[in-house]
Amino acid sequence: MTKKLKIYVGHDSREDIAWQVCRHSLLRHASADIEICPLKQNTLRELGLYTRPADNATTEFSLTRFLTPYLAAHDGWTIFCDCDFLYTTDVMKVLEQADPSKAVYVVKHEYVPKNAVKMDAQVQTSYPRKNWSSFILFNNAHPLVKALTPELVNNESPAFLHRFSWISDDDLIGELPLTWNFLEGEYPMPEATPEVIHYTNGGPWFSNWQDVDYADLWIAEKDLYEASISQKRAG
């Protein structure tokens, strides 16, 4: 089993800066070598791995996320997360509680969205196990995870995939602390900064979402990212 942690971040063409800042925050805090890949729907279509018809999903990676274990192609642990995440700690810490008997680990949110719309006036839907799939720690060695083939992902319903109906026993879904997928705007701000902030309703990269909780942390990370790009160009 490889020790290198692979992380796939959902990429949406409308939110490229969100992906860049998410990636930067992951790398800046990581205590070990990690591999980060953007999950781009167009690329997956070109490779013939994603063949579903176009839909009206909120993001371009709504269903491609379930291809993560197949793309990783190893028996280690792999993470998927949405692009609107900001990491404030070492992502390797999440492996400290990973039990190899579990198929996946998620934060098991139980909430009703406070807002009717999010990001660019997108409709905010409500459904069972909402946002469980926005951060998934996959155990790629588990047979139920290995069953997430392109054929299954391209043919099963969105509800089947997002509600983890492909896992036959709920006990195989491990639970992570809330701070590993803290939904900004949906929960009161805790005393301590969460390990992972999820700007699920929209983040400071949108002009109409400048006053969200933890906006200052995201903007500071963006400044660090842009400074690193300037240094590379100057060098």
Protein backbone atom coordinates (compact mmCIF):
# COMPACT_ATOMS: atom_id res chain seq x y z
CA MET A 1 0.00 0.00 0.00
CA THR A 2 1.49 3.33 -1.03
CA LYS A 3 2.03 5.91 1.69
CA LYS A 4 1.70 8.88 -0.63
CA LEU A 5 -1.65 10.56 -0.15
CA LYS A 6 -3.46 11.44 -3.35
CA ILE A 7 -6.00 14.26 -3.25
CA TYR A 8 -8.46 15.08 -6.02
CA VAL A 9 -10.05 18.51 -5.92
CA GLY A 10 -13.21 19.21 -7.86
CA HIS A 11 -12.56 21.83 -10.54
CA ASP A 12 -15.19 24.18 -11.88
CA SER A 13 -14.28 26.52 -14.73
CA ARG A 14 -16.11 29.37 -12.96
CA GLU A 15 -14.01 28.93 -9.83
CA ASP A 16 -10.43 28.30 -10.96
CA ILE A 17 -9.06 30.63 -8.27
CA ALA A 18 -10.89 28.59 -5.62
CA TRP A 19 -9.07 25.43 -6.78
CA GLN A 20 -5.72 27.23 -6.84
CA VAL A 21 -6.12 28.56 -3.31
CA CYS A 22 -7.38 25.20 -2.02
CA ARG A 23 -4.33 23.50 -3.52
CA HIS A 24 -1.99 26.12 -2.09
CA SER A 25 -3.43 25.69 1.41
CA LEU A 26 -3.04 21.91 1.17
CA LEU A 27 0.59 22.10 0.11
CA ARG A 28 1.52 24.83 2.57
CA HIS A 29 0.42 22.82 5.59
CA ALA A 30 1.33 19.30 4.45
CA SER A 31 3.93 17.47 6.54
CA ALA A 32 4.53 14.82 3.84
CA ASP A 33 4.68 14.55 0.09
CA ILE A 34 1.14 14.70 -1.30
CA GLU A 35 -0.18 14.54 -4.84
CA ILE A 36 -2.98 16.95 -5.76
CA CYS A 37 -4.95 16.74 -9.00
CA PRO A 38 -7.79 18.91 -10.31
CA LEU A 39 -10.84 16.88 -11.29
CA LYS A 40 -11.83 18.42 -14.62
CA GLN A 41 -14.95 17.14 -16.34
CA ASN A 42 -13.78 18.07 -19.84
CA THR A 43 -10.58 16.07 -19.41
CA LEU A 44 -12.48 13.05 -18.11
CA ARG A 45 -14.82 13.24 -21.10
CA GLU A 46 -11.89 13.40 -23.50
CA LEU A 47 -10.48 10.26 -21.85
CA GLY A 48 -13.82 8.49 -22.20
CA LEU A 49 -14.13 8.04 -18.45
CA TYR A 50 -17.15 10.31 -18.00
CA THR A 51 -19.93 9.89 -20.51
CA ARG A 52 -23.06 11.08 -18.74
CA PRO A 53 -25.21 13.63 -20.60
CA ALA A 54 -24.81 17.28 -19.64
CA ASP A 55 -26.92 18.20 -16.64
CA ASN A 56 -27.90 21.17 -14.50
CA ALA A 57 -25.77 20.27 -11.48
CA THR A 58 -24.47 23.15 -9.38
CA THR A 59 -20.85 22.23 -10.15
CA GLU A 60 -19.01 20.53 -13.00
CA PHE A 61 -17.68 17.90 -10.59
CA SER A 62 -20.99 16.92 -9.03
CA LEU A 63 -20.66 13.28 -10.12
CA THR A 64 -17.08 13.02 -11.38
CA ARG A 65 -15.95 12.96 -7.72
CA PHE A 66 -16.98 9.32 -7.55
CA LEU A 67 -14.29 8.45 -10.10
CA THR A 68 -11.61 9.44 -7.57
CA PRO A 69 -10.64 5.90 -6.44
CA TYR A 70 -10.54 4.65 -10.04
CA LEU A 71 -8.28 7.53 -11.06
CA ALA A 72 -6.00 7.07 -8.06
CA ALA A 73 -5.38 3.46 -9.14
CA HIS A 74 -3.79 2.25 -5.91
CA ASP A 75 -4.85 0.59 -2.66
CA GLY A 76 -3.99 3.47 -0.34
CA TRP A 77 -6.19 6.22 1.01
CA THR A 78 -7.39 8.94 -1.35
CA ILE A 79 -9.25 12.17 -0.67
CA PHE A 80 -11.82 14.01 -2.73
CA CYS A 81 -12.90 17.51 -1.78
CA ASP A 82 -14.79 20.36 -3.41
CA CYS A 83 -12.74 23.29 -4.67
CA ASP A 84 -14.31 25.76 -2.22
CA PHE A 85 -12.24 24.38 0.68
CA LEU A 86 -9.51 26.06 2.70
CA TYR A 87 -7.14 23.91 4.77
CA THR A 88 -5.74 25.43 7.94
CA THR A 89 -3.86 22.35 9.14
CA ASP A 90 -1.90 19.36 7.88
CA VAL A 91 -4.20 17.12 5.84
CA MET A 92 -2.12 14.09 6.83
CA LYS A 93 -3.71 14.29 10.29
CA VAL A 94 -6.95 12.89 8.89
CA LEU A 95 -5.22 9.54 8.38
CA GLU A 96 -4.55 9.19 12.11
CA GLN A 97 -8.14 8.05 12.66
CA ALA A 98 -8.51 6.00 9.48
CA ASP A 99 -9.61 2.43 10.17
CA PRO A 100 -8.92 0.10 7.20
CA SER A 101 -12.16 -1.79 7.93
CA LYS A 102 -14.15 1.26 6.76
CA ALA A 103 -14.91 1.91 3.09
CA VAL A 104 -14.98 5.69 3.41
CA TYR A 105 -14.85 8.46 5.97
CA VAL A 106 -17.02 11.59 5.79
CA VAL A 107 -18.41 14.31 8.03
CA LYS A 108 -22.00 13.20 8.62
CA HIS A 109 -23.82 16.51 8.37
CA GLU A 110 -27.41 16.73 9.51
CA TYR A 111 -28.76 20.15 8.58
CA VAL A 112 -31.19 22.08 6.41
CA PRO A 113 -29.47 24.82 4.33
CA LYS A 114 -30.13 28.32 5.65
CA ASN A 115 -30.04 29.95 2.22
CA ALA A 116 -32.26 29.31 -0.79
CA VAL A 117 -29.49 30.29 -3.21
CA LYS A 118 -25.71 30.07 -3.30
CA MET A 119 -22.83 31.07 -5.58
CA ASP A 120 -23.84 32.92 -8.74
CA ALA A 121 -27.55 32.60 -7.82
CA GLN A 122 -27.41 28.79 -7.95
CA VAL A 123 -30.38 27.11 -6.26
CA GLN A 124 -29.54 25.53 -2.90
CA THR A 125 -31.15 22.09 -2.79
CA SER A 126 -31.78 19.95 0.25
CA TYR A 127 -31.56 16.15 0.30
CA PRO A 128 -30.58 13.29 2.65
CA ARG A 129 -26.87 13.17 3.50
CA LYS A 130 -26.29 16.55 1.88
CA ASN A 131 -22.62 17.55 1.78
CA TRP A 132 -21.41 14.16 3.00
CA SER A 133 -19.79 13.75 -0.41
CA SER A 134 -18.03 17.13 -0.42
CA PHE A 135 -15.12 15.60 1.53
CA ILE A 136 -14.57 11.87 1.16
CA LEU A 137 -11.64 9.87 2.47
CA PHE A 138 -11.71 6.73 0.28
CA ASN A 139 -10.19 3.43 1.35
CA ASN A 140 -9.19 2.28 -2.12
CA ALA A 141 -8.45 -1.23 -0.89
CA HIS A 142 -12.05 -1.83 0.11
CA PRO A 143 -14.08 -3.92 -2.39
CA LEU A 144 -17.07 -1.54 -2.27
CA VAL A 145 -14.77 1.32 -3.23
CA LYS A 146 -13.14 -0.72 -5.98
CA ALA A 147 -16.67 -1.18 -7.37
CA LEU A 148 -16.84 2.54 -8.18
CA THR A 149 -15.94 1.96 -11.81
CA PRO A 150 -16.64 4.41 -14.64
CA GLU A 151 -19.48 2.11 -15.74
CA LEU A 152 -21.20 2.44 -12.36
CA VAL A 153 -20.58 6.18 -12.06
CA ASN A 154 -21.88 6.83 -15.56
CA ASN A 155 -25.06 4.82 -15.13
CA GLU A 156 -26.29 5.13 -11.55
CA SER A 157 -28.51 8.01 -10.41
CA PRO A 158 -27.08 11.07 -8.66
CA ALA A 159 -29.09 10.15 -5.55
CA PHE A 160 -27.59 6.64 -5.51
CA LEU A 161 -24.08 8.09 -5.64
CA HIS A 162 -24.38 11.08 -3.30
CA ARG A 163 -26.34 9.20 -0.64
CA PHE A 164 -23.71 6.44 -0.57
CA SER A 165 -26.24 3.79 -1.55
CA TRP A 166 -23.32 1.94 -3.15
CA ILE A 167 -22.13 1.12 0.39
CA SER A 168 -24.26 -1.79 1.56
CA ASP A 169 -23.72 -1.31 5.30
CA ASP A 170 -23.83 2.13 6.95
CA ASP A 171 -21.32 0.89 9.52
CA LEU A 172 -18.74 0.95 6.74
CA ILE A 173 -19.11 4.74 6.50
CA GLY A 174 -16.70 6.14 9.08
CA GLU A 175 -17.38 9.49 10.72
CA LEU A 176 -14.97 12.40 10.79
CA PRO A 177 -15.20 15.34 13.22
CA LEU A 178 -17.19 18.33 11.97
CA THR A 179 -14.04 20.44 11.75
CA TRP A 180 -12.83 18.38 8.76
CA ASN A 181 -15.65 19.80 6.63
CA PHE A 182 -16.90 22.86 8.46
CA LEU A 183 -19.74 24.43 6.50
CA GLU A 184 -19.24 28.17 6.67
CA GLY A 185 -22.55 29.97 7.17
CA GLU A 186 -24.38 26.82 8.22
CA TYR A 187 -22.82 26.40 11.66
CA PRO A 188 -21.89 29.00 14.31
CA MET A 189 -18.21 29.93 14.29
CA PRO A 190 -16.38 27.81 16.89
CA GLU A 191 -13.73 29.18 19.24
CA ALA A 192 -10.97 27.34 17.41
CA THR A 193 -10.47 27.66 13.66
CA PRO A 194 -11.66 24.48 11.90
CA GLU A 195 -9.10 22.25 10.19
CA VAL A 196 -11.01 22.55 6.93
CA ILE A 197 -13.34 25.43 6.05
CA HIS A 198 -15.92 24.75 3.36
CA TYR A 199 -17.43 27.86 1.77
CA THR A 200 -20.42 25.86 0.64
CA ASN A 201 -22.69 28.82 -0.06
CA GLY A 202 -20.02 30.76 -1.91
CA GLY A 203 -16.67 32.28 -1.03
CA PRO A 204 -14.80 35.59 -1.31
CA TRP A 205 -13.86 34.85 -4.93
CA PHE A 206 -17.43 35.90 -5.77
CA SER A 207 -18.09 39.64 -5.62
CA ASN A 208 -21.32 39.15 -3.67
CA TRP A 209 -19.75 36.86 -1.02
CA GLN A 210 -17.12 39.13 0.52
CA ASP A 211 -18.47 39.18 4.07
CA VAL A 212 -18.65 35.45 4.84
CA ASP A 213 -17.09 33.95 7.96
CA TYR A 214 -13.37 33.28 7.55
CA ALA A 215 -13.20 35.45 4.43
CA ASP A 216 -10.00 37.00 5.82
CA LEU A 217 -8.31 33.59 5.99
CA TRP A 218 -9.19 32.76 2.38
CA ILE A 219 -8.04 36.17 1.13
CA ALA A 220 -4.77 35.84 3.05
CA GLU A 221 -4.18 32.43 1.44
CA LYS A 222 -4.95 33.87 -1.99
CA ASP A 223 -2.38 36.61 -1.38
CA LEU A 224 0.22 33.98 -0.49
CA TYR A 225 -0.64 32.00 -3.62
CA GLU A 226 -0.37 35.06 -5.87
CA ALA A 227 2.93 36.05 -4.24
CA SER A 228 4.32 32.57 -4.96
CA ILE A 229 3.29 32.87 -8.60
CA SER A 230 4.99 36.26 -8.88
CA GLN A 231 8.19 34.83 -7.38
CA LYS A 232 8.20 31.94 -9.85
CA ARG A 233 7.76 34.31 -12.77
CA ALA A 234 10.52 36.59 -11.49
CA GLY A 235 12.85 33.61 -11.02
